């Protein structure tokens, strides 16, 4: 499960190696508390990802595992 906390956001997508960095492939849903959520079944291995929030890219602030994205920023990393 991936979570993103921003009750003011209009849209949040998870984008990463699991969906070929497609910015429209995996929309998240906001619950009544303003938490955006999605459950994704991932294959074993390393996956890198970010959130696209109202068109802006953000790494996962709640995941301390990050790596250089090659563009001066960071990707979040999860290993299964």
PDB file of N, CA and C in Angstrom:
ATOM      1  N   UNK A   1       0.847  -1.172   0.000  1.00  0.00           N
ATOM      2  CA  UNK A   1       0.000   0.000   0.000  1.00  0.00           C
ATOM      3  C   UNK A   1       0.895   1.239   0.000  1.00  0.00           C
ATOM      4  N   UNK A   2       0.570   2.177  -0.853  1.00  0.00           N
ATOM      5  CA  UNK A   2       1.259   3.452  -0.913  1.00  0.00           C
ATOM      6  C   UNK A   2       0.303   4.534  -0.433  1.00  0.00           C
ATOM      7  N   UNK A   3       0.818   5.474   0.355  1.00  0.00           N
ATOM      8  CA  UNK A   3       0.010   6.551   0.931  1.00  0.00           C
ATOM      9  C   UNK A   3       0.649   7.898   0.642  1.00  0.00           C
ATOM     10  N   UNK A   4      -0.197   8.908   0.406  1.00  0.00           N
ATOM     11  CA  UNK A   4       0.275  10.271   0.248  1.00  0.00           C
ATOM     12  C   UNK A   4      -0.719  11.186   0.958  1.00  0.00           C
ATOM     13  N   UNK A   5      -0.229  11.987   1.892  1.00  0.00           N
ATOM     14  CA  UNK A   5      -1.093  12.823   2.727  1.00  0.00           C
ATOM     15  C   UNK A   5      -1.117  14.255   2.206  1.00  0.00           C
ATOM     16  N   UNK A   6      -2.223  14.630   1.547  1.00  0.00           N
ATOM     17  CA  UNK A   6      -2.410  16.003   1.070  1.00  0.00           C
ATOM     18  C   UNK A   6      -3.887  16.184   0.751  1.00  0.00           C
ATOM     19  N   UNK A   7      -4.641  16.649   1.740  1.00  0.00           N
ATOM     20  CA  UNK A   7      -6.089  16.774   1.528  1.00  0.00           C
ATOM     21  C   UNK A   7      -6.445  17.878   0.547  1.00  0.00           C
ATOM     22  N   UNK A   8      -5.516  18.787   0.253  1.00  0.00           N
ATOM     23  CA  UNK A   8      -5.778  19.867  -0.702  1.00  0.00           C
ATOM     24  C   UNK A   8      -5.532  19.460  -2.155  1.00  0.00           C
ATOM     25  N   UNK A   9      -4.826  18.356  -2.374  1.00  0.00           N
ATOM     26  CA  UNK A   9      -4.497  17.920  -3.735  1.00  0.00           C
ATOM     27  C   UNK A   9      -5.757  17.568  -4.514  1.00  0.00           C
ATOM     28  N   UNK A  10      -5.717  17.857  -5.795  1.00  0.00           N
ATOM     29  CA  UNK A  10      -6.834  17.525  -6.692  1.00  0.00           C
ATOM     30  C   UNK A  10      -6.627  16.161  -7.356  1.00  0.00           C
ATOM     31  N   UNK A  11      -5.348  15.780  -7.566  1.00  0.00           N
ATOM     32  CA  UNK A  11      -5.051  14.472  -8.149  1.00  0.00           C
ATOM     33  C   UNK A  11      -3.671  14.016  -7.691  1.00  0.00           C
ATOM     34  N   UNK A  12      -3.549  12.714  -7.474  1.00  0.00           N
ATOM     35  CA  UNK A  12      -2.271  12.107  -7.112  1.00  0.00           C
ATOM     36  C   UNK A  12      -2.146  10.797  -7.891  1.00  0.00           C
ATOM     37  N   UNK A  13      -1.008  10.638  -8.552  1.00  0.00           N
ATOM     38  CA  UNK A  13      -0.685   9.413  -9.268  1.00  0.00           C
ATOM     39  C   UNK A  13       0.609   8.870  -8.708  1.00  0.00           C
ATOM     40  N   UNK A  14       0.745   7.550  -8.663  1.00  0.00           N
ATOM     41  CA  UNK A  14       2.037   6.948  -8.364  1.00  0.00           C
ATOM     42  C   UNK A  14       2.655   6.577  -9.699  1.00  0.00           C
ATOM     43  N   UNK A  15       3.918   6.944  -9.850  1.00  0.00           N
ATOM     44  CA  UNK A  15       4.613   6.780 -11.115  1.00  0.00           C
ATOM     45  C   UNK A  15       5.966   6.148 -10.813  1.00  0.00           C
ATOM     46  N   UNK A  16       6.327   5.119 -11.564  1.00  0.00           N
ATOM     47  CA  UNK A  16       7.620   4.511 -11.291  1.00  0.00           C
ATOM     48  C   UNK A  16       7.939   3.351 -12.205  1.00  0.00           C
ATOM     49  N   UNK A  17       8.921   2.582 -11.760  1.00  0.00           N
ATOM     50  CA  UNK A  17       9.378   1.440 -12.552  1.00  0.00           C
ATOM     51  C   UNK A  17       8.276   0.405 -12.728  1.00  0.00           C
ATOM     52  N   UNK A  18       7.315   0.371 -11.816  1.00  0.00           N
ATOM     53  CA  UNK A  18       6.240  -0.622 -11.893  1.00  0.00           C
ATOM     54  C   UNK A  18       5.220  -0.321 -12.989  1.00  0.00           C
ATOM     55  N   UNK A  19       5.208   0.924 -13.492  1.00  0.00           N
ATOM     56  CA  UNK A  19       4.267   1.274 -14.564  1.00  0.00           C
ATOM     57  C   UNK A  19       4.959   2.053 -15.690  1.00  0.00           C
ATOM     58  N   UNK A  20       6.270   1.809 -15.843  1.00  0.00           N
ATOM     59  CA  UNK A  20       7.072   2.432 -16.899  1.00  0.00           C
ATOM     60  C   UNK A  20       7.027   3.950 -16.865  1.00  0.00           C
ATOM     61  N   UNK A  21       6.907   4.517 -15.647  1.00  0.00           N
ATOM     62  CA  UNK A  21       6.914   5.966 -15.430  1.00  0.00           C
ATOM     63  C   UNK A  21       5.795   6.679 -16.202  1.00  0.00           C
ATOM     64  N   UNK A  22       4.689   5.973 -16.392  1.00  0.00           N
ATOM     65  CA  UNK A  22       3.514   6.543 -17.074  1.00  0.00           C
ATOM     66  C   UNK A  22       2.757   7.424 -16.084  1.00  0.00           C
ATOM     67  N   UNK A  23       2.717   8.725 -16.342  1.00  0.00           N
ATOM     68  CA  UNK A  23       2.135   9.687 -15.401  1.00  0.00           C
ATOM     69  C   UNK A  23       0.621   9.579 -15.266  1.00  0.00           C
ATOM     70  N   UNK A  24      -0.032   8.809 -16.113  1.00  0.00           N
ATOM     71  CA  UNK A  24      -1.491   8.671 -16.034  1.00  0.00           C
ATOM     72  C   UNK A  24      -1.955   7.253 -15.739  1.00  0.00           C
ATOM     73  N   UNK A  25      -1.034   6.318 -15.595  1.00  0.00           N
ATOM     74  CA  UNK A  25      -1.400   4.901 -15.507  1.00  0.00           C
ATOM     75  C   UNK A  25      -2.000   4.497 -14.172  1.00  0.00           C
ATOM     76  N   UNK A  26      -1.572   5.137 -13.071  1.00  0.00           N
ATOM     77  CA  UNK A  26      -1.939   4.613 -11.761  1.00  0.00           C
ATOM     78  C   UNK A  26      -2.429   5.726 -10.829  1.00  0.00           C
ATOM     79  N   UNK A  27      -3.690   6.136 -10.989  1.00  0.00           N
ATOM     80  CA  UNK A  27      -4.236   7.170 -10.098  1.00  0.00           C
ATOM     81  C   UNK A  27      -4.497   6.611  -8.700  1.00  0.00           C
ATOM     82  N   UNK A  28      -4.306   7.453  -7.713  1.00  0.00           N
ATOM     83  CA  UNK A  28      -4.595   7.085  -6.328  1.00  0.00           C
ATOM     84  C   UNK A  28      -5.952   7.658  -5.946  1.00  0.00           C
ATOM     85  N   UNK A  29      -6.566   7.087  -4.915  1.00  0.00           N
ATOM     86  CA  UNK A  29      -7.873   7.556  -4.458  1.00  0.00           C
ATOM     87  C   UNK A  29      -7.752   8.196  -3.087  1.00  0.00           C
ATOM     88  N   UNK A  30      -8.464   9.306  -2.898  1.00  0.00           N
ATOM     89  CA  UNK A  30      -8.429  10.026  -1.629  1.00  0.00           C
ATOM     90  C   UNK A  30      -9.534   9.533  -0.712  1.00  0.00           C
ATOM     91  N   UNK A  31      -9.158   9.226   0.541  1.00  0.00           N
ATOM     92  CA  UNK A  31     -10.171   8.823   1.511  1.00  0.00           C
ATOM     93  C   UNK A  31     -10.753  10.065   2.192  1.00  0.00           C
ATOM     94  N   UNK A  32     -11.687   9.879   3.078  1.00  0.00           N
ATOM     95  CA  UNK A  32     -12.376  11.018   3.699  1.00  0.00           C
ATOM     96  C   UNK A  32     -11.488  11.815   4.639  1.00  0.00           C
ATOM     97  N   UNK A  33     -10.307  11.274   4.984  1.00  0.00           N
ATOM     98  CA  UNK A  33      -9.356  11.983   5.838  1.00  0.00           C
ATOM     99  C   UNK A  33      -8.297  12.739   5.044  1.00  0.00           C
ATOM    100  N   UNK A  34      -8.422  12.735   3.727  1.00  0.00           N
ATOM    101  CA  UNK A  34      -7.472  13.445   2.881  1.00  0.00           C
ATOM    102  C   UNK A  34      -6.209  12.664   2.574  1.00  0.00           C
ATOM    103  N   UNK A  35      -6.218  11.361   2.843  1.00  0.00           N
ATOM    104  CA  UNK A  35      -5.072  10.501   2.554  1.00  0.00           C
ATOM    105  C   UNK A  35      -5.311   9.808   1.214  1.00  0.00           C
ATOM    106  N   UNK A  36      -4.362   9.975   0.306  1.00  0.00           N
ATOM    107  CA  UNK A  36      -4.419   9.299  -0.987  1.00  0.00           C
ATOM    108  C   UNK A  36      -3.811   7.916  -0.827  1.00  0.00           C
ATOM    109  N   UNK A  37      -4.481   6.887  -1.368  1.00  0.00           N
ATOM    110  CA  UNK A  37      -4.056   5.507  -1.165  1.00  0.00           C
ATOM    111  C   UNK A  37      -4.149   4.702  -2.452  1.00  0.00           C
ATOM    112  N   UNK A  38      -3.289   3.698  -2.522  1.00  0.00           N
ATOM    113  CA  UNK A  38      -3.402   2.697  -3.580  1.00  0.00           C
ATOM    114  C   UNK A  38      -2.675   1.434  -3.129  1.00  0.00           C
ATOM    115  N   UNK A  39      -3.211   0.292  -3.505  1.00  0.00           N
ATOM    116  CA  UNK A  39      -2.564  -0.995  -3.265  1.00  0.00           C
ATOM    117  C   UNK A  39      -2.116  -1.514  -4.625  1.00  0.00           C
ATOM    118  N   UNK A  40      -0.829  -1.825  -4.709  1.00  0.00           N
ATOM    119  CA  UNK A  40      -0.256  -2.338  -5.955  1.00  0.00           C
ATOM    120  C   UNK A  40       0.479  -3.629  -5.642  1.00  0.00           C
ATOM    121  N   UNK A  41       0.185  -4.679  -6.393  1.00  0.00           N
ATOM    122  CA  UNK A  41       0.934  -5.926  -6.258  1.00  0.00           C
ATOM    123  C   UNK A  41       2.221  -5.783  -7.064  1.00  0.00           C
ATOM    124  N   UNK A  42       3.352  -5.895  -6.377  1.00  0.00           N
ATOM    125  CA  UNK A  42       4.646  -5.733  -7.020  1.00  0.00           C
ATOM    126  C   UNK A  42       5.389  -7.060  -7.089  1.00  0.00           C
ATOM    127  N   UNK A  43       6.113  -7.255  -8.170  1.00  0.00           N
ATOM    128  CA  UNK A  43       6.971  -8.427  -8.299  1.00  0.00           C
ATOM    129  C   UNK A  43       8.158  -8.269  -7.358  1.00  0.00           C
ATOM    130  N   UNK A  44       8.776  -9.372  -6.962  1.00  0.00           N
ATOM    131  CA  UNK A  44       9.972  -9.279  -6.129  1.00  0.00           C
ATOM    132  C   UNK A  44      11.058  -8.455  -6.830  1.00  0.00           C
ATOM    133  N   UNK A  45      11.804  -7.714  -6.032  1.00  0.00           N
ATOM    134  CA  UNK A  45      12.901  -6.914  -6.576  1.00  0.00           C
ATOM    135  C   UNK A  45      12.807  -5.469  -6.132  1.00  0.00           C
ATOM    136  N   UNK A  46      13.636  -4.638  -6.753  1.00  0.00           N
ATOM    137  CA  UNK A  46      13.719  -3.213  -6.432  1.00  0.00           C
ATOM    138  C   UNK A  46      12.814  -2.408  -7.357  1.00  0.00           C
ATOM    139  N   UNK A  47      12.057  -1.491  -6.762  1.00  0.00           N
ATOM    140  CA  UNK A  47      11.163  -0.619  -7.520  1.00  0.00           C
ATOM    141  C   UNK A  47      11.429   0.825  -7.110  1.00  0.00           C
ATOM    142  N   UNK A  48      11.519   1.711  -8.082  1.00  0.00           N
ATOM    143  CA  UNK A  48      11.676   3.136  -7.809  1.00  0.00           C
ATOM    144  C   UNK A  48      10.380   3.839  -8.194  1.00  0.00           C
ATOM    145  N   UNK A  49      10.063   4.906  -7.464  1.00  0.00           N
ATOM    146  CA  UNK A  49       8.792   5.586  -7.714  1.00  0.00           C
ATOM    147  C   UNK A  49       8.808   7.015  -7.190  1.00  0.00           C
ATOM    148  N   UNK A  50       7.814   7.769  -7.642  1.00  0.00           N
ATOM    149  CA  UNK A  50       7.507   9.113  -7.142  1.00  0.00           C
ATOM    150  C   UNK A  50       5.993   9.275  -7.181  1.00  0.00           C
ATOM    151  N   UNK A  51       5.536  10.352  -6.571  1.00  0.00           N
ATOM    152  CA  UNK A  51       4.132  10.748  -6.680  1.00  0.00           C
ATOM    153  C   UNK A  51       4.054  11.971  -7.585  1.00  0.00           C
ATOM    154  N   UNK A  52       3.041  12.014  -8.440  1.00  0.00           N
ATOM    155  CA  UNK A  52       2.756  13.208  -9.229  1.00  0.00           C
ATOM    156  C   UNK A  52       1.497  13.816  -8.626  1.00  0.00           C
ATOM    157  N   UNK A  53       1.679  14.957  -7.965  1.00  0.00           N
ATOM    158  CA  UNK A  53       0.611  15.624  -7.225  1.00  0.00           C
ATOM    159  C   UNK A  53       0.257  16.916  -7.960  1.00  0.00           C
ATOM    160  N   UNK A  54      -0.949  16.947  -8.512  1.00  0.00           N
ATOM    161  CA  UNK A  54      -1.389  18.109  -9.282  1.00  0.00           C
ATOM    162  C   UNK A  54      -0.335  18.531 -10.304  1.00  0.00           C
ATOM    163  N   UNK A  55       0.286  17.543 -10.945  1.00  0.00           N
ATOM    164  CA  UNK A  55       1.267  17.797 -11.994  1.00  0.00           C
ATOM    165  C   UNK A  55       2.698  17.986 -11.518  1.00  0.00           C
ATOM    166  N   UNK A  56       2.934  17.993 -10.211  1.00  0.00           N
ATOM    167  CA  UNK A  56       4.277  18.181  -9.656  1.00  0.00           C
ATOM    168  C   UNK A  56       4.809  16.873  -9.085  1.00  0.00           C
ATOM    169  N   UNK A  57       6.084  16.596  -9.365  1.00  0.00           N
ATOM    170  CA  UNK A  57       6.720  15.350  -8.944  1.00  0.00           C
ATOM    171  C   UNK A  57       7.283  15.474  -7.535  1.00  0.00           C
ATOM    172  N   UNK A  58       7.015  14.452  -6.693  1.00  0.00           N
ATOM    173  CA  UNK A  58       7.505  14.432  -5.308  1.00  0.00           C
ATOM    174  C   UNK A  58       7.971  13.022  -4.957  1.00  0.00           C
ATOM    175  N   UNK A  59       9.104  12.930  -4.273  1.00  0.00           N
ATOM    176  CA  UNK A  59       9.466  11.613  -3.736  1.00  0.00           C
ATOM    177  C   UNK A  59       8.643  11.377  -2.479  1.00  0.00           C
ATOM    178  N   UNK A  60       8.631  10.156  -1.998  1.00  0.00           N
ATOM    179  CA  UNK A  60       7.817   9.758  -0.850  1.00  0.00           C
ATOM    180  C   UNK A  60       8.494  10.232   0.441  1.00  0.00           C
ATOM    181  N   UNK A  61       7.945  11.262   1.060  1.00  0.00           N
ATOM    182  CA  UNK A  61       8.513  11.841   2.281  1.00  0.00           C
ATOM    183  C   UNK A  61       8.509  10.860   3.452  1.00  0.00           C
ATOM    184  N   UNK A  62       7.680   9.825   3.379  1.00  0.00           N
ATOM    185  CA  UNK A  62       7.582   8.846   4.468  1.00  0.00           C
ATOM    186  C   UNK A  62       8.466   7.622   4.248  1.00  0.00           C
ATOM    187  N   UNK A  63       9.217   7.606   3.163  1.00  0.00           N
ATOM    188  CA  UNK A  63      10.101   6.483   2.865  1.00  0.00           C
ATOM    189  C   UNK A  63      11.543   7.003   2.862  1.00  0.00           C
ATOM    190  N   UNK A  64      12.356   6.593   3.837  1.00  0.00           N
ATOM    191  CA  UNK A  64      13.733   7.084   3.910  1.00  0.00           C
ATOM    192  C   UNK A  64      14.648   6.496   2.836  1.00  0.00           C
ATOM    193  N   UNK A  65      14.179   5.485   2.108  1.00  0.00           N
ATOM    194  CA  UNK A  65      14.998   4.852   1.070  1.00  0.00           C
ATOM    195  C   UNK A  65      14.842   5.613  -0.241  1.00  0.00           C
ATOM    196  N   UNK A  66      15.895   6.359  -0.594  1.00  0.00           N
ATOM    197  CA  UNK A  66      15.868   7.144  -1.822  1.00  0.00           C
ATOM    198  C   UNK A  66      17.160   6.925  -2.594  1.00  0.00           C
ATOM    199  N   UNK A  67      17.127   7.273  -3.879  1.00  0.00           N
ATOM    200  CA  UNK A  67      18.324   7.257  -4.712  1.00  0.00           C
ATOM    201  C   UNK A  67      18.241   8.408  -5.702  1.00  0.00           C
ATOM    202  N   UNK A  68      19.369   8.803  -6.227  1.00  0.00           N
ATOM    203  CA  UNK A  68      19.453   9.886  -7.203  1.00  0.00           C
ATOM    204  C   UNK A  68      18.615   9.523  -8.431  1.00  0.00           C
ATOM    205  N   UNK A  69      17.817  10.478  -8.900  1.00  0.00           N
ATOM    206  CA  UNK A  69      16.985  10.207 -10.075  1.00  0.00           C
ATOM    207  C   UNK A  69      17.668  10.575 -11.390  1.00  0.00           C
ATOM    208  N   UNK A  70      18.886  11.108 -11.312  1.00  0.00           N
ATOM    209  CA  UNK A  70      19.615  11.482 -12.521  1.00  0.00           C
ATOM    210  C   UNK A  70      19.239  12.846 -13.070  1.00  0.00           C
ATOM    211  N   UNK A  71      18.312  13.533 -12.397  1.00  0.00           N
ATOM    212  CA  UNK A  71      17.848  14.845 -12.842  1.00  0.00           C
ATOM    213  C   UNK A  71      17.967  15.888 -11.740  1.00  0.00           C
ATOM    214  N   UNK A  72      18.815  15.629 -10.751  1.00  0.00           N
ATOM    215  CA  UNK A  72      18.985  16.561  -9.654  1.00  0.00           C
ATOM    216  C   UNK A  72      18.003  16.364  -8.507  1.00  0.00           C
ATOM    217  N   UNK A  73      17.218  15.307  -8.555  1.00  0.00           N
ATOM    218  CA  UNK A  73      16.256  15.014  -7.496  1.00  0.00           C
ATOM    219  C   UNK A  73      16.442  13.603  -6.981  1.00  0.00           C
ATOM    220  N   UNK A  74      15.404  13.072  -6.361  1.00  0.00           N
ATOM    221  CA  UNK A  74      15.460  11.733  -5.773  1.00  0.00           C
ATOM    222  C   UNK A  74      14.250  10.913  -6.152  1.00  0.00           C
ATOM    223  N   UNK A  75      14.461   9.618  -6.275  1.00  0.00           N
ATOM    224  CA  UNK A  75      13.384   8.650  -6.407  1.00  0.00           C
ATOM    225  C   UNK A  75      13.282   7.893  -5.100  1.00  0.00           C
ATOM    226  N   UNK A  76      12.093   7.542  -4.724  1.00  0.00           N
ATOM    227  CA  UNK A  76      11.882   6.651  -3.594  1.00  0.00           C
ATOM    228  C   UNK A  76      12.120   5.232  -4.054  1.00  0.00           C
ATOM    229  N   UNK A  77      12.581   4.380  -3.136  1.00  0.00           N
ATOM    230  CA  UNK A  77      12.921   2.998  -3.461  1.00  0.00           C
ATOM    231  C   UNK A  77      12.212   2.066  -2.498  1.00  0.00           C
ATOM    232  N   UNK A  78      11.620   1.011  -3.049  1.00  0.00           N
ATOM    233  CA  UNK A  78      11.038  -0.047  -2.224  1.00  0.00           C
ATOM    234  C   UNK A  78      11.551  -1.371  -2.790  1.00  0.00           C
ATOM    235  N   UNK A  79      11.907  -2.271  -1.879  1.00  0.00           N
ATOM    236  CA  UNK A  79      12.366  -3.598  -2.289  1.00  0.00           C
ATOM    237  C   UNK A  79      11.437  -4.658  -1.725  1.00  0.00           C
ATOM    238  N   UNK A  80      11.016  -5.557  -2.591  1.00  0.00           N
ATOM    239  CA  UNK A  80      10.093  -6.626  -2.232  1.00  0.00           C
ATOM    240  C   UNK A  80      10.870  -7.926  -2.147  1.00  0.00           C
TER     241      UNK A  80
END
